[in-house]
Amino acid sequence: MALLIVLIALAFLMIAAYRGHSVILFAPVAALGAVLFTDPALVAPMFSGLFMDRMVGFLQLYFPVFLLGAVFGKLIELSGFSRAIVSATIGAVGRERAILAIVLVCALLTYGGVSLFVVVFAVYPFAAELFRQAAIPKRLIPGAIALGAFTFTMDSLPGTPQIQNIIPTAFFHTTTWAAPWLGSIGAVFILVLGLAYLDWQRHRAASAGEGYGSDLRNEPEPFAGDRLVHPLVAVLPLVAVGVVNGVLTVLIPQLYSPTLSFVPTVVGQAKPVVQEVSKLAAIWAVEGALLSGIACVLAFAWRPVLKRFADGSRAAVGGALLASMNTASEYGFGAVIAALPGFRVVADALRAIPNPLVNEAVSVTALAGITGSASGGLSIALAAMAGTFVHNAQAAGIPMEVLHRVAAMASGGMDTLPQNGAVITLLAVTGLTHRQSYRDIFAITVIKTAAVFVVIAVYSLTGLV
């Protein structure tokens, strides 16, 4: 019965998301409904002491990353840099390879540090125009954007500044560059199979005589083109983010001791504030990198940016709030579910998996699916089981870098179920529904999940890190 309650809560949240309801509202409803049927007396304590505590804790750590990423992405858009990057990419691969062009643009922006949510807003107008001219069904746009932004550049490629690649650093004391060979192999696997799937769908649609579509919603104005900055200049902020992230990742641990304590006031008996630098270094590195990217955009395009900065920054802040609140609310949902007896049934079954890496991968991707959030599921899994993962890995002689990469990649596996905040945002922006486009997103999800086990197999057979 306990397990059934957990499954019903998950199904309820998935259905609510599938029907277009806000997960910020329905995540606590689903979580507390599960508590109500388990122990009614714990509804209020669970809400205040667990749901809100975990939700606020997530925002405390990661909201600055969401905010800076959103502002950076908006400045890339306002400056015209995103248009220049898209135009250059299209020129390089050709309009007949529209899907590849959009995937590459999304990958470049995401790996450069732009928030996944911001990438959706920035790329969609160009994807719509390109797909319309190439007579590719609009319903394939979410799959293409998901492949470019939600998969290999999110957590597979070493050094990516996305949150999913940052969270494991605090638990395994690694860097975002952990296991570069394994991450690169997984990224190639995802990219090749994902492109093959989307191209197969494009050919099927063409054979059936299906074009771009009609009676569509949220259609952007066709891209007419204007004077664009040179693409090498446009890509400089993205390069700056990547380089500064790498430099700060090395420098911050050298500049600070593992634990830093300071007194916030000169007068009085204030308690000292203690910061575990070893757990925060990767987050600080990404924040510094995004600030450098913002400064780079302003240095090259401050005039066009300044004209629309007020409206653009408000939109960026709103997007960051929505994205972070979606994820934080799902994190609170997962934390409550993890405290219920039904979750212990799931956890015990997962612990029975003998291989340490398979155990970690299945645990993380299962919790990412339950919470509908890669970062939320990853945080919950590592908070609850990191000690067990580390102990088992050390006993088997597995480096912490491999644990990091497997955990990060697994978080981006089954996380994109219908209630996922990024999926909901992607479909809303493109004016499509779950019924029209979720099948392709789920196919990419299956490929992404399979890549984790490919990486585990490569490590087991070769010892490559």
Foldseek 3Di string as FASTA:
>chain_A
DLLVLLVVLLVVLLVCLQVPHACLVSLLVSLLVSVCVFPVVCSVVLVVVFLVVLLVVLCVQCLLLLLLLLLLLLLLQLLQLLVQQLVVLCVVPHLLPLLVSLLQSQQLSQQLSHDLLSSLLRRLQVSLLSQQVNQFALLCVLLSSCLNHLFLLQFQAAQRLHLLLQQLCLLLLDASRFQRVLSVQLNVLLVVVSSVVSVVVRVVCVVVVHGHDPPFPLHDDRDPDDDHDNNVLSSVLSVQLSVQLVVQLVVQCVVDPQKDWDAPDDDDDGDIDIDRCSNRSSVVSNSVSSVSSSVSSCVVRVVSCVVCVVVSSVVSSVSSVSQSSLLSSLLSSLRSSCPTPSVVVVLVVLVPDLDLLSSLLVQQLVQLLSSLALSSSLNVSCVVCSVVSVVSCVVVVHRSSLVSSLSSLSSSANSNRSSHPSNSSSCVNSRHRCVSHVVSVNVSSNSSSVSSVVSVVCCVVPVRD
